[in-house]
Amino acid sequence: MSDQRPILTTRQGHPVRDNQSTRTVGERGPATLENYQFIEKITHFDRERIPERVVHARGAGAHGWFEAYGKIGDEPASKYTRARVLNETGVKTPMFVRFSTVAGAKESPETERDPRGFAVKFKTVDGNWDLVGNNLKVFFIRDAIKFPDMIHAFKPDPVTNRQEAWRFFDFVAQHPESIHMVTHLKSPWGIPANYREMEGSGVNTYKLVNDQGEAVLCKFHWIPKQGVRNLTSSQASEIQAKDVGHATRDLYDNIKAGNFPEWEFAVQIMPDGPNDHLSFDPLDDTKLWPVDQFPLLPCGRMVLDRVPDNFFAEVEQSAFGTGVLVDGIDFSDDKMLQGRTLSYSDTQRYRVGANYLQLPINAPQPGVKVYSNQRDGQMAYTVDGTGPNKHINYEPSTLAEGLREAPKPAKDYHQPVQGNLGRYQTSRTEDDYTQAGVRYRSFADWERDDLIANLVADMKQCPEPIQLRMVWHFWHADEDYGRRVAEGAGIDLEKAKALPPLPGRAAPGKRLQTETYTDGSQAHRVAAE
């Protein structure tokens, strides 16, 4: 049959020939600033709600402090990073943390099955460091260009204003890498009991850089010393019938009672580079780094000991961005991280205003003086610090009376980059199903039972093509997983198993042998001269 659907375009009317991948330098290289299609798409998405957050609208926050151990595992922290906040012991760095749900509106129940945001603002002596993560250690997608589509599918139907299971799974069915996150989310781990007994993860891959200009890849994790506890769907329903804000109440009541929640901060470390020996790309945020190969190395602790004085001023106006890093912590070429770094701060400038960083909740700690040539804008409250001559709000100046650049590090990290500019498929896809299957088998019996019950209920709301493809995905992750979902929902397992692989995708358990563009052609490297 010929496809008569209209062609997707940008708002400029340009046909969109690839809506799946941002343009990068090589398959694993950095994204480029001229990604206009992505920029138009993500910046419009950032402005879809006024004034509520588009995602993470329902939230609670608390103040506290962070204390570094001065070590990462058994090694001095300085071996891996020159970041003072991770090296200086005996220093209590002030912090603000915002917990949230993702898809629900501002007044939605805190018992919803939804990832939980775990956003942390370190107010260090070197300025702010924002670590914007979730409770689950993986995500649905690995390229930020898909984020607006994903959220649109998960949010209410634009016609009925109802969240529909078929919309969620219609999107997921076309993204095998999502099965890992779905397996987490539809299990009891999809409903944390409260914020105190919840893990946190930076999800994305970052880099640590030391004073020798040497870098390693890393992932950040928060481990609750209160332990981890989750809810089944029935337990969540019982709580929701009586209290739609139980997690906020639990957090604030415990802090007021002096039962201060505490988390240990840990990192996983991997050598920088392609790490071709792995069956997954460490820059792919839909994958876990196995802890038996990359152990969790403790490096500090966080304690929350004060509730906000005003919810709006401190929780609603708090603003985080993945691009807010301190020296010694750097970006990797994780495609979700690169896209989030533009989107998050762009959202805050739109949602809160161009001068959102002047608000006390977002400003650096009082000991850090801000000097910049940024001026004016809506609701400007102060004028940033200037040089000796207030007439000079630019840099450089021959009069040497304005602001100057900071001294450059003695040794900095310079990542080698080589590749053809293009839109690439991900070649290392063996673990798109492997890790989902490992997660399924790691669950206790009651967790598997709850996962299957939740998926069966969802599948019954989906049309047959989505049902068959989802069972196909689950079966390739684990045969028992797919069989139980099919039997529970009355889906023909053999018909599902007979489906071909998704068009243009590697078959389950396989990888693309070479760098491949999203149109299916292979990239041919140009030799460096």
Protein backbone atom coordinates (compact mmCIF):
# COMPACT_ATOMS: atom_id res chain seq x y z
CA MET A 1 0.00 0.00 0.00
CA SER A 2 1.22 3.49 -0.76
CA ASP A 3 1.66 5.73 2.26
CA GLN A 4 -0.65 8.73 1.88
CA ARG A 5 0.19 10.35 5.23
CA PRO A 6 1.33 14.02 5.10
CA ILE A 7 5.09 14.70 5.26
CA LEU A 8 6.43 16.00 8.58
CA THR A 9 7.91 19.52 8.26
CA THR A 10 9.55 22.13 10.43
CA ARG A 11 7.64 25.31 11.28
CA GLN A 12 9.47 26.87 8.34
CA GLY A 13 7.77 24.35 6.04
CA HIS A 14 10.98 22.41 5.38
CA PRO A 15 10.47 18.63 5.02
CA VAL A 16 11.94 16.64 7.90
CA ARG A 17 13.89 13.79 6.35
CA ASP A 18 15.19 12.41 9.63
CA ASN A 19 13.31 12.84 12.91
CA GLN A 20 15.24 10.14 14.78
CA SER A 21 18.80 11.41 15.24
CA THR A 22 20.63 14.65 15.80
CA ARG A 23 23.58 15.47 13.55
CA THR A 24 26.87 14.46 15.15
CA VAL A 25 30.53 14.18 14.21
CA GLY A 26 30.70 10.42 13.77
CA GLU A 27 28.30 8.02 15.44
CA ARG A 28 29.62 8.76 18.95
CA GLY A 29 30.89 12.28 18.44
CA PRO A 30 29.52 15.58 19.73
CA ALA A 31 26.39 17.21 18.40
CA THR A 32 26.82 20.40 16.39
CA LEU A 33 25.31 23.82 16.99
CA GLU A 34 23.77 23.99 13.53
CA ASN A 35 21.18 21.31 14.39
CA TYR A 36 18.42 23.76 13.43
CA GLN A 37 15.69 21.13 13.15
CA PHE A 38 16.45 19.94 16.69
CA ILE A 39 16.77 23.48 18.07
CA GLU A 40 13.42 24.56 16.60
CA LYS A 41 11.75 21.42 17.90
CA ILE A 42 13.18 21.42 21.43
CA THR A 43 12.90 25.17 22.08
CA HIS A 44 9.23 25.14 21.04
CA PHE A 45 8.68 22.13 23.28
CA ASP A 46 10.28 24.05 26.15
CA ARG A 47 7.54 26.66 25.79
CA GLU A 48 4.48 24.42 25.64
CA ARG A 49 3.26 25.19 29.16
CA ILE A 50 2.69 28.51 30.94
CA PRO A 51 3.85 28.80 33.66
CA GLU A 52 3.86 25.19 34.89
CA ARG A 53 6.81 22.99 34.02
CA VAL A 54 6.20 20.90 30.91
CA VAL A 55 7.67 17.90 32.75
CA HIS A 56 8.40 17.46 36.46
CA ALA A 57 5.52 19.81 37.35
CA ARG A 58 4.61 18.01 40.59
CA GLY A 59 7.47 18.41 43.02
CA ALA A 60 8.77 18.96 46.54
CA GLY A 61 12.07 20.42 47.65
CA ALA A 62 14.33 20.60 50.69
CA HIS A 63 17.59 22.24 51.76
CA GLY A 64 20.61 20.42 53.08
CA TRP A 65 24.35 19.97 52.72
CA PHE A 66 26.93 17.78 51.03
CA GLU A 67 30.19 16.57 52.55
CA ALA A 68 32.90 14.94 50.46
CA TYR A 69 34.94 12.00 51.72
CA GLY A 70 37.99 13.27 49.82
CA LYS A 71 38.19 9.83 48.22
CA ILE A 72 36.52 8.05 45.36
CA GLY A 73 36.39 4.50 46.57
CA ASP A 74 39.82 3.80 48.07
CA GLU A 75 41.66 6.34 45.90
CA PRO A 76 42.16 10.07 46.53
CA ALA A 77 39.47 11.98 44.67
CA SER A 78 42.23 14.08 43.07
CA LYS A 79 43.29 11.02 41.07
CA TYR A 80 40.14 11.47 38.98
CA THR A 81 38.97 15.06 39.37
CA ARG A 82 40.16 18.54 40.30
CA ALA A 83 36.64 19.55 41.40
CA ARG A 84 37.07 21.09 44.85
CA VAL A 85 33.60 19.99 45.96
CA LEU A 86 34.69 16.34 45.72
CA ASN A 87 38.17 16.83 47.14
CA GLU A 88 37.80 19.02 50.23
CA THR A 89 36.85 17.15 53.38
CA GLY A 90 35.25 18.86 56.37
CA VAL A 91 33.42 21.35 54.13
CA LYS A 92 29.61 21.32 54.18
CA THR A 93 28.49 22.53 50.77
CA PRO A 94 24.94 23.94 50.90
CA MET A 95 22.46 22.17 48.63
CA PHE A 96 18.88 22.33 47.43
CA VAL A 97 17.11 19.21 46.15
CA ARG A 98 13.86 19.00 44.20
CA PHE A 99 12.03 15.68 43.89
CA SER A 100 9.25 15.33 41.34
CA THR A 101 7.14 13.18 39.08
CA VAL A 102 7.61 13.54 35.33
CA ALA A 103 4.40 13.36 33.32
CA GLY A 104 1.72 14.51 35.77
CA ALA A 105 0.46 18.06 36.23
CA LYS A 106 1.27 20.24 39.24
CA GLU A 107 -1.54 18.85 41.39
CA SER A 108 -1.34 15.23 40.19
CA PRO A 109 -1.05 12.39 42.74
CA GLU A 110 2.41 11.47 43.99
CA THR A 111 1.44 7.80 43.74
CA GLU A 112 1.43 7.86 39.95
CA ARG A 113 3.48 5.26 38.07
CA ASP A 114 6.08 7.62 36.68
CA PRO A 115 9.83 8.22 36.87
CA ARG A 116 10.78 10.50 39.76
CA GLY A 117 13.00 13.49 39.22
CA PHE A 118 15.99 13.82 41.56
CA ALA A 119 17.49 17.27 40.85
CA VAL A 120 20.34 18.50 43.04
CA LYS A 121 21.93 21.93 43.19
CA PHE A 122 25.35 22.02 44.88
CA LYS A 123 26.16 25.62 45.86
CA THR A 124 29.94 25.15 45.86
CA VAL A 125 32.68 27.70 46.52
CA ASP A 126 33.37 27.55 42.78
CA GLY A 127 29.76 28.28 41.82
CA ASN A 128 26.75 26.06 41.27
CA TRP A 129 26.81 22.47 40.11
CA ASP A 130 23.46 21.00 39.04
CA LEU A 131 23.03 17.24 38.84
CA VAL A 132 19.63 16.68 37.21
CA GLY A 133 18.62 13.04 37.34
CA ASN A 134 15.91 10.48 38.06
CA ASN A 135 15.27 7.70 40.55
CA LEU A 136 15.70 5.07 37.84
CA LYS A 137 19.20 4.64 36.40
CA VAL A 138 18.18 4.45 32.73
CA PHE A 139 15.93 6.37 30.35
CA PHE A 140 13.50 5.65 27.49
CA ILE A 141 15.49 7.18 24.62
CA ARG A 142 19.12 7.83 23.78
CA ASP A 143 18.81 10.83 21.48
CA ALA A 144 17.34 14.14 22.66
CA ILE A 145 15.67 14.84 19.32
CA LYS A 146 13.05 12.25 20.34
CA PHE A 147 12.23 13.86 23.71
CA PRO A 148 9.27 16.02 22.57
CA ASP A 149 7.73 13.02 20.78
CA MET A 150 8.18 10.84 23.85
CA ILE A 151 6.56 13.33 26.22
CA HIS A 152 3.72 14.01 23.78
CA ALA A 153 3.02 10.26 23.68
CA PHE A 154 3.10 9.97 27.46
CA LYS A 155 1.04 13.11 28.17
CA PRO A 156 -2.75 13.28 27.75
CA ASP A 157 -4.31 12.81 24.32
CA PRO A 158 -4.73 16.24 22.65
CA VAL A 159 -8.36 15.40 21.80
CA THR A 160 -9.62 13.57 24.89
CA ASN A 161 -7.18 15.03 27.47
CA ARG A 162 -6.73 11.51 28.84
CA GLN A 163 -3.49 9.58 29.21
CA GLU A 164 -3.92 6.54 27.01
CA ALA A 165 -1.92 3.31 27.23
CA TRP A 166 -2.03 2.83 23.46
CA ARG A 167 -0.25 6.18 22.90
CA PHE A 168 2.53 5.26 25.33
CA PHE A 169 3.10 1.83 23.81
CA ASP A 170 2.68 3.05 20.24
CA PHE A 171 5.79 5.17 20.83
CA VAL A 172 7.68 2.54 22.83
CA ALA A 173 7.01 -0.18 20.24
CA GLN A 174 9.15 1.72 17.73
CA HIS A 175 12.07 2.16 20.14
CA PRO A 176 13.56 -1.17 21.31
CA GLU A 177 15.94 0.67 23.61
CA SER A 178 12.87 1.73 25.65
CA ILE A 179 12.06 -1.84 26.76
CA HIS A 180 14.68 -1.65 29.51
CA MET A 181 13.10 1.45 31.06
CA VAL A 182 9.58 0.05 30.59
CA THR A 183 10.61 -3.06 32.53
CA HIS A 184 11.73 -0.84 35.41
CA LEU A 185 8.75 1.51 35.23
CA LYS A 186 5.97 -1.07 35.05
CA SER A 187 7.43 -3.00 37.98
CA PRO A 188 7.02 -1.79 41.60
CA TRP A 189 10.17 0.29 41.03
CA GLY A 190 7.92 2.59 38.99
CA ILE A 191 6.22 3.80 42.20
CA PRO A 192 8.71 4.71 44.96
CA ALA A 193 7.15 4.56 48.44
CA ASN A 194 8.30 8.12 49.14
CA TYR A 195 11.18 10.46 48.36
CA ARG A 196 13.32 9.47 51.36
CA GLU A 197 13.47 5.81 50.40
CA MET A 198 14.30 6.44 46.76
CA GLU A 199 17.51 6.08 44.80
CA GLY A 200 18.81 8.84 42.56
CA SER A 201 20.93 8.74 39.44
CA GLY A 202 22.44 11.31 37.11
CA VAL A 203 21.41 8.84 34.32
CA ASN A 204 23.66 10.54 31.76
CA THR A 205 27.37 9.89 31.32
CA TYR A 206 29.72 12.69 32.39
CA LYS A 207 33.48 13.03 32.63
CA LEU A 208 35.79 13.68 35.55
CA VAL A 209 38.94 15.66 34.71
CA ASN A 210 41.99 15.86 37.00
CA ASP A 211 44.71 18.51 37.27
CA GLN A 212 46.84 16.63 34.72
CA GLY A 213 44.18 17.07 32.05
CA GLU A 214 43.27 13.38 32.17
CA ALA A 215 39.62 12.36 31.86
CA VAL A 216 37.49 9.33 32.69
CA LEU A 217 33.85 8.63 31.95
CA CYS A 218 31.58 8.52 34.98
CA LYS A 219 28.01 8.08 36.21
CA PHE A 220 26.68 9.59 39.46
CA HIS A 221 24.37 7.84 41.94
CA TRP A 222 22.56 8.62 45.20
CA ILE A 223 22.04 5.66 47.57
CA PRO A 224 19.47 6.27 50.37
CA LYS A 225 20.75 5.28 53.81
CA GLN A 226 17.09 4.80 54.80
CA GLY A 227 16.93 1.87 52.37
CA VAL A 228 14.84 1.53 49.21
CA ARG A 229 11.10 0.84 49.26
CA ASN A 230 8.55 0.73 46.44
CA LEU A 231 4.79 0.25 46.08
CA THR A 232 2.63 -2.14 44.10
CA SER A 233 -0.27 -0.70 42.14
CA SER A 234 -2.78 -1.78 44.80
CA GLN A 235 -0.73 -0.25 47.62
CA ALA A 236 -0.45 3.00 45.68
CA SER A 237 -4.21 3.05 45.08
CA GLU A 238 -4.88 2.68 48.80
CA ILE A 239 -2.63 5.65 49.58
CA GLN A 240 -4.01 7.79 46.75
CA ALA A 241 -7.57 7.31 48.02
CA LYS A 242 -6.58 9.21 51.16
CA ASP A 243 -3.66 11.47 50.18
CA VAL A 244 -2.50 12.73 46.76
CA GLY A 245 0.60 14.39 48.27
CA HIS A 246 1.85 11.66 50.57
CA ALA A 247 5.51 11.86 49.50
CA THR A 248 5.79 15.60 50.18
CA ARG A 249 4.11 15.15 53.56
CA ASP A 250 6.44 12.26 54.45
CA LEU A 251 9.55 14.27 53.49
CA TYR A 252 8.57 17.43 55.36
CA ASP A 253 7.23 15.64 58.44
CA ASN A 254 10.44 13.64 58.84
CA ILE A 255 12.69 16.67 58.42
CA LYS A 256 10.64 18.70 60.93
CA ALA A 257 10.86 15.79 63.38
CA GLY A 258 14.67 15.76 63.09
CA ASN A 259 14.71 12.51 61.13
CA PHE A 260 16.97 13.96 58.45
CA PRO A 261 17.15 11.79 55.30
CA GLU A 262 20.64 10.98 54.08
CA TRP A 263 22.10 9.62 50.85
CA GLU A 264 25.58 8.36 50.01
CA PHE A 265 26.99 9.81 46.79
CA ALA A 266 28.80 7.31 44.58
CA VAL A 267 30.32 7.26 41.11
CA GLN A 268 31.02 4.62 38.52
CA ILE A 269 34.20 5.14 36.51
CA MET A 270 35.24 3.88 33.08
CA PRO A 271 38.21 4.79 30.88
CA ASP A 272 37.35 7.41 28.27
CA GLY A 273 37.16 6.19 24.71
CA PRO A 274 34.95 3.97 22.55
CA ASN A 275 35.19 0.96 24.92
CA ASP A 276 34.54 -1.35 21.97
CA HIS A 277 34.87 -4.44 24.16
CA LEU A 278 31.45 -3.66 25.65
CA SER A 279 28.22 -4.82 24.01
CA PHE A 280 26.65 -1.44 24.79
CA ASP A 281 27.80 2.12 24.29
CA PRO A 282 28.61 3.72 27.68
CA LEU A 283 27.24 6.99 26.26
CA ASP A 284 23.82 5.35 25.79
CA ASP A 285 21.56 6.39 28.68
CA THR A 286 19.17 3.48 28.09
CA LYS A 287 21.86 1.15 29.46
CA LEU A 288 23.22 0.36 32.90
CA TRP A 289 26.92 0.04 33.59
CA PRO A 290 27.12 -3.40 35.28
CA VAL A 291 28.29 -2.87 38.86
CA ASP A 292 30.39 -6.06 38.80
CA GLN A 293 32.53 -4.40 36.12
CA PHE A 294 32.15 -0.78 37.22
CA PRO A 295 31.49 -0.73 40.97
CA LEU A 296 29.76 2.06 42.85
CA LEU A 297 32.59 4.04 44.48
CA PRO A 298 31.47 6.16 47.48
CA CYS A 299 32.70 9.77 47.45
CA GLY A 300 30.46 11.76 49.81
CA ARG A 301 27.13 12.11 51.56
CA MET A 302 24.10 14.40 51.43
CA VAL A 303 21.81 15.29 54.34
CA LEU A 304 18.51 17.19 54.01
CA ASP A 305 17.73 19.13 57.18
CA ARG A 306 15.48 22.10 56.32
CA VAL A 307 12.13 22.51 54.58
CA PRO A 308 11.41 25.58 52.41
CA ASP A 309 9.96 28.70 54.01
CA ASN A 310 7.89 29.38 50.90
CA PHE A 311 6.93 26.68 48.41
CA PHE A 312 6.57 28.94 45.40
CA ALA A 313 9.73 30.99 45.95
CA GLU A 314 11.95 27.99 46.61
CA VAL A 315 10.40 24.91 44.99
CA GLU A 316 8.45 26.28 42.04
CA GLN A 317 11.07 28.88 41.11
CA SER A 318 14.02 26.53 41.60
CA ALA A 319 15.67 25.94 38.23
CA PHE A 320 18.18 23.30 37.21
CA GLY A 321 20.22 22.62 34.10
CA THR A 322 22.53 19.79 33.06
CA GLY A 323 24.96 22.34 31.63
CA VAL A 324 25.70 23.78 35.08
CA LEU A 325 29.02 22.10 35.90
CA VAL A 326 32.09 23.09 37.93
CA ASP A 327 35.71 22.73 36.87
CA GLY A 328 36.77 19.10 37.09
CA ILE A 329 33.39 17.77 35.91
CA ASP A 330 32.75 17.85 32.18
CA PHE A 331 30.38 16.77 29.41
CA SER A 332 30.55 13.52 27.53
CA ASP A 333 29.10 13.05 24.04
CA ASP A 334 25.99 11.37 25.49
CA LYS A 335 23.36 12.58 22.99
CA MET A 336 20.69 12.99 25.66
CA LEU A 337 23.05 15.03 27.85
CA GLN A 338 23.98 17.32 24.96
CA GLY A 339 20.34 17.94 24.09
CA ARG A 340 19.28 18.41 27.73
CA THR A 341 22.04 20.96 28.21
CA LEU A 342 20.37 23.25 25.69
CA SER A 343 16.79 22.42 26.61
CA TYR A 344 16.83 22.65 30.40
CA SER A 345 18.34 26.10 30.75
CA ASP A 346 16.33 27.37 27.78
CA THR A 347 13.18 26.18 29.55
CA GLN A 348 14.12 28.03 32.75
CA ARG A 349 14.73 31.30 30.90
CA TYR A 350 11.29 30.96 29.36
CA ARG A 351 9.42 29.62 32.38
CA VAL A 352 10.93 31.72 35.18
CA GLY A 353 12.54 34.50 33.15
CA ALA A 354 15.83 35.65 31.67
CA ASN A 355 17.08 36.61 35.15
CA TYR A 356 16.08 33.41 36.94
CA LEU A 357 19.64 33.04 38.24
CA GLN A 358 19.25 36.21 40.31
CA LEU A 359 16.60 34.55 42.49
CA PRO A 360 18.04 33.47 45.85
CA ILE A 361 17.07 29.83 45.37
CA ASN A 362 19.07 29.65 42.13
CA ALA A 363 21.92 32.09 42.88
CA PRO A 364 25.33 30.79 44.01
CA GLN A 365 26.12 30.74 47.71
CA PRO A 366 26.69 34.22 49.22
CA GLY A 367 30.48 33.77 49.27
CA VAL A 368 30.57 33.49 45.47
CA LYS A 369 30.44 36.93 43.84
CA VAL A 370 28.93 37.06 40.34
CA TYR A 371 30.70 39.23 37.76
CA SER A 372 29.28 39.18 34.25
CA ASN A 373 28.48 41.45 31.34
CA GLN A 374 24.94 40.11 31.10
CA ARG A 375 22.52 43.02 31.47
CA ASP A 376 18.86 43.94 31.65
CA GLY A 377 16.07 41.61 30.54
CA GLN A 378 12.66 41.20 32.12
CA MET A 379 12.55 41.44 35.93
CA ALA A 380 16.24 42.30 36.36
CA TYR A 381 16.67 42.66 40.11
CA THR A 382 20.36 43.43 40.46
CA VAL A 383 23.29 44.42 38.27
CA ASP A 384 26.04 41.82 38.24
CA GLY A 385 29.45 42.81 39.50
CA THR A 386 31.58 44.87 37.13
CA GLY A 387 35.19 45.84 36.70
CA PRO A 388 36.61 49.17 37.93
CA ASN A 389 34.95 51.04 35.06
CA LYS A 390 31.16 50.53 35.08
CA HIS A 391 30.91 51.97 31.58
CA ILE A 392 32.61 48.86 30.17
CA ASN A 393 30.12 45.98 29.93
CA TYR A 394 32.02 44.08 27.27
CA GLU A 395 35.25 42.07 27.05
CA PRO A 396 38.04 42.56 26.13
CA SER A 397 38.83 46.23 26.60
CA THR A 398 42.10 47.95 25.74
CA LEU A 399 41.63 50.09 28.86
CA ALA A 400 42.01 47.03 31.11
CA GLU A 401 39.21 48.37 33.30
CA GLY A 402 36.50 45.82 32.54
CA LEU A 403 36.32 42.14 33.42
CA ARG A 404 38.97 39.64 32.38
CA GLU A 405 39.03 35.96 31.60
CA ALA A 406 39.97 33.53 34.36
CA PRO A 407 43.42 31.91 34.17
CA LYS A 408 43.41 28.76 32.09
CA PRO A 409 44.23 25.42 33.73
CA ALA A 410 47.85 24.37 33.52
CA LYS A 411 46.73 21.17 31.82
CA ASP A 412 43.31 20.77 30.28
CA TYR A 413 41.57 17.85 28.65
CA HIS A 414 41.26 17.90 24.86
CA GLN A 415 39.12 15.13 23.43
CA PRO A 416 40.14 13.93 19.98
CA VAL A 417 37.21 14.01 17.54
CA GLN A 418 37.14 12.64 14.01
CA GLY A 419 34.22 11.63 11.86
CA ASN A 420 31.76 12.52 9.16
CA LEU A 421 28.96 14.93 10.06
CA GLY A 422 25.63 13.15 9.75
CA ARG A 423 22.66 11.49 11.43
CA TYR A 424 23.64 8.05 12.69
CA GLN A 425 21.95 4.93 13.96
CA THR A 426 23.35 3.40 17.13
CA SER A 427 25.47 0.44 16.13
CA ARG A 428 25.89 -1.29 19.53
CA THR A 429 22.37 -2.57 20.09
CA GLU A 430 22.96 -6.10 21.45
CA ASP A 431 21.92 -5.07 24.94
CA ASP A 432 18.71 -3.28 23.95
CA TYR A 433 17.04 -6.56 24.97
CA THR A 434 19.76 -8.20 27.06
CA GLN A 435 19.67 -5.68 29.90
CA ALA A 436 15.85 -5.66 29.96
CA GLY A 437 15.91 -9.46 30.31
CA VAL A 438 18.52 -9.30 33.06
CA ARG A 439 16.36 -6.80 34.91
CA TYR A 440 13.26 -9.00 34.54
CA ARG A 441 15.07 -12.04 35.93
CA SER A 442 16.53 -10.00 38.81
CA PHE A 443 13.08 -9.20 40.20
CA ALA A 444 11.61 -11.12 43.10
CA ASP A 445 8.53 -13.22 42.22
CA TRP A 446 6.13 -10.61 43.60
CA GLU A 447 7.84 -7.88 41.56
CA ARG A 448 7.53 -9.94 38.36
CA ASP A 449 3.89 -10.66 39.14
CA ASP A 450 3.17 -6.94 39.57
CA LEU A 451 5.08 -6.08 36.38
CA ILE A 452 3.11 -8.63 34.34
CA ALA A 453 -0.23 -7.53 35.83
CA ASN A 454 0.46 -3.90 34.97
CA LEU A 455 1.53 -4.70 31.41
CA VAL A 456 -1.41 -7.03 30.83
CA ALA A 457 -3.82 -4.27 31.90
CA ASP A 458 -2.08 -1.87 29.50
CA MET A 459 -1.97 -4.30 26.59
CA LYS A 460 -5.72 -4.85 26.82
CA GLN A 461 -6.15 -1.15 26.00
CA CYS A 462 -3.95 -1.28 22.88
CA PRO A 463 -4.87 -2.22 19.29
CA GLU A 464 -3.54 -5.54 17.98
CA PRO A 465 -0.52 -4.19 16.00
CA ILE A 466 0.85 -2.54 19.15
CA GLN A 467 0.07 -5.62 21.28
CA LEU A 468 1.92 -7.94 18.89
CA ARG A 469 4.99 -5.72 18.60
CA MET A 470 5.23 -5.22 22.39
CA VAL A 471 4.98 -8.98 23.04
CA TRP A 472 7.67 -9.44 20.36
CA HIS A 473 9.91 -7.03 22.30
CA PHE A 474 9.21 -8.65 25.67
CA TRP A 475 9.81 -12.15 24.28
CA HIS A 476 13.20 -11.16 22.87
CA ALA A 477 14.14 -9.72 26.28
CA ASP A 478 13.10 -12.95 28.02
CA GLU A 479 10.89 -15.76 26.70
CA ASP A 480 9.01 -16.11 29.98
CA TYR A 481 8.47 -12.33 30.03
CA GLY A 482 6.84 -12.31 26.57
CA ARG A 483 4.86 -15.50 27.17
CA ARG A 484 3.30 -14.28 30.43
CA VAL A 485 2.26 -10.92 28.95
CA ALA A 486 0.76 -12.65 25.89
CA GLU A 487 -1.16 -15.24 27.94
CA GLY A 488 -2.44 -12.65 30.41
CA ALA A 489 -3.69 -10.28 27.72
CA GLY A 490 -4.96 -12.95 25.32
CA ILE A 491 -2.42 -12.11 22.61
CA ASP A 492 -1.33 -14.71 20.02
CA LEU A 493 2.29 -15.36 21.01
CA GLU A 494 3.17 -17.23 17.81
CA LYS A 495 1.79 -14.43 15.68
CA ALA A 496 3.86 -11.94 17.68
CA LYS A 497 7.04 -14.03 17.37
CA ALA A 498 6.57 -14.19 13.59
CA LEU A 499 6.94 -10.41 13.21
CA PRO A 500 10.08 -9.26 11.35
CA PRO A 501 12.57 -6.90 13.02
CA LEU A 502 11.71 -3.23 12.91
CA PRO A 503 12.59 -1.63 9.55
CA GLY A 504 16.09 -0.20 9.49
CA ARG A 505 16.96 -1.63 12.90
CA ALA A 506 19.43 -4.36 13.80
CA ALA A 507 17.80 -7.66 14.71
CA PRO A 508 17.56 -8.43 18.46
CA GLY A 509 20.92 -9.38 19.89
CA LYS A 510 22.76 -8.04 16.84
CA ARG A 511 24.68 -4.88 16.06
CA LEU A 512 25.32 -2.86 12.96
CA GLN A 513 28.78 -3.80 11.76
CA THR A 514 29.89 -0.32 10.77
CA GLU A 515 28.86 3.27 11.38
CA THR A 516 25.54 3.59 9.57
CA TYR A 517 23.51 6.66 8.75
CA THR A 518 19.81 6.61 9.55
CA ASP A 519 19.01 6.21 5.84
CA GLY A 520 20.81 2.84 5.94
CA SER A 521 23.94 3.84 4.04
CA GLN A 522 27.34 3.26 5.60
CA ALA A 523 29.68 6.02 6.66
CA HIS A 524 33.11 5.95 5.05
CA ARG A 525 35.73 7.72 7.06
CA VAL A 526 38.01 10.18 5.34
CA ALA A 527 41.60 9.50 6.36
CA ALA A 528 43.22 12.31 8.31
CA GLU A 529 45.95 14.10 6.40
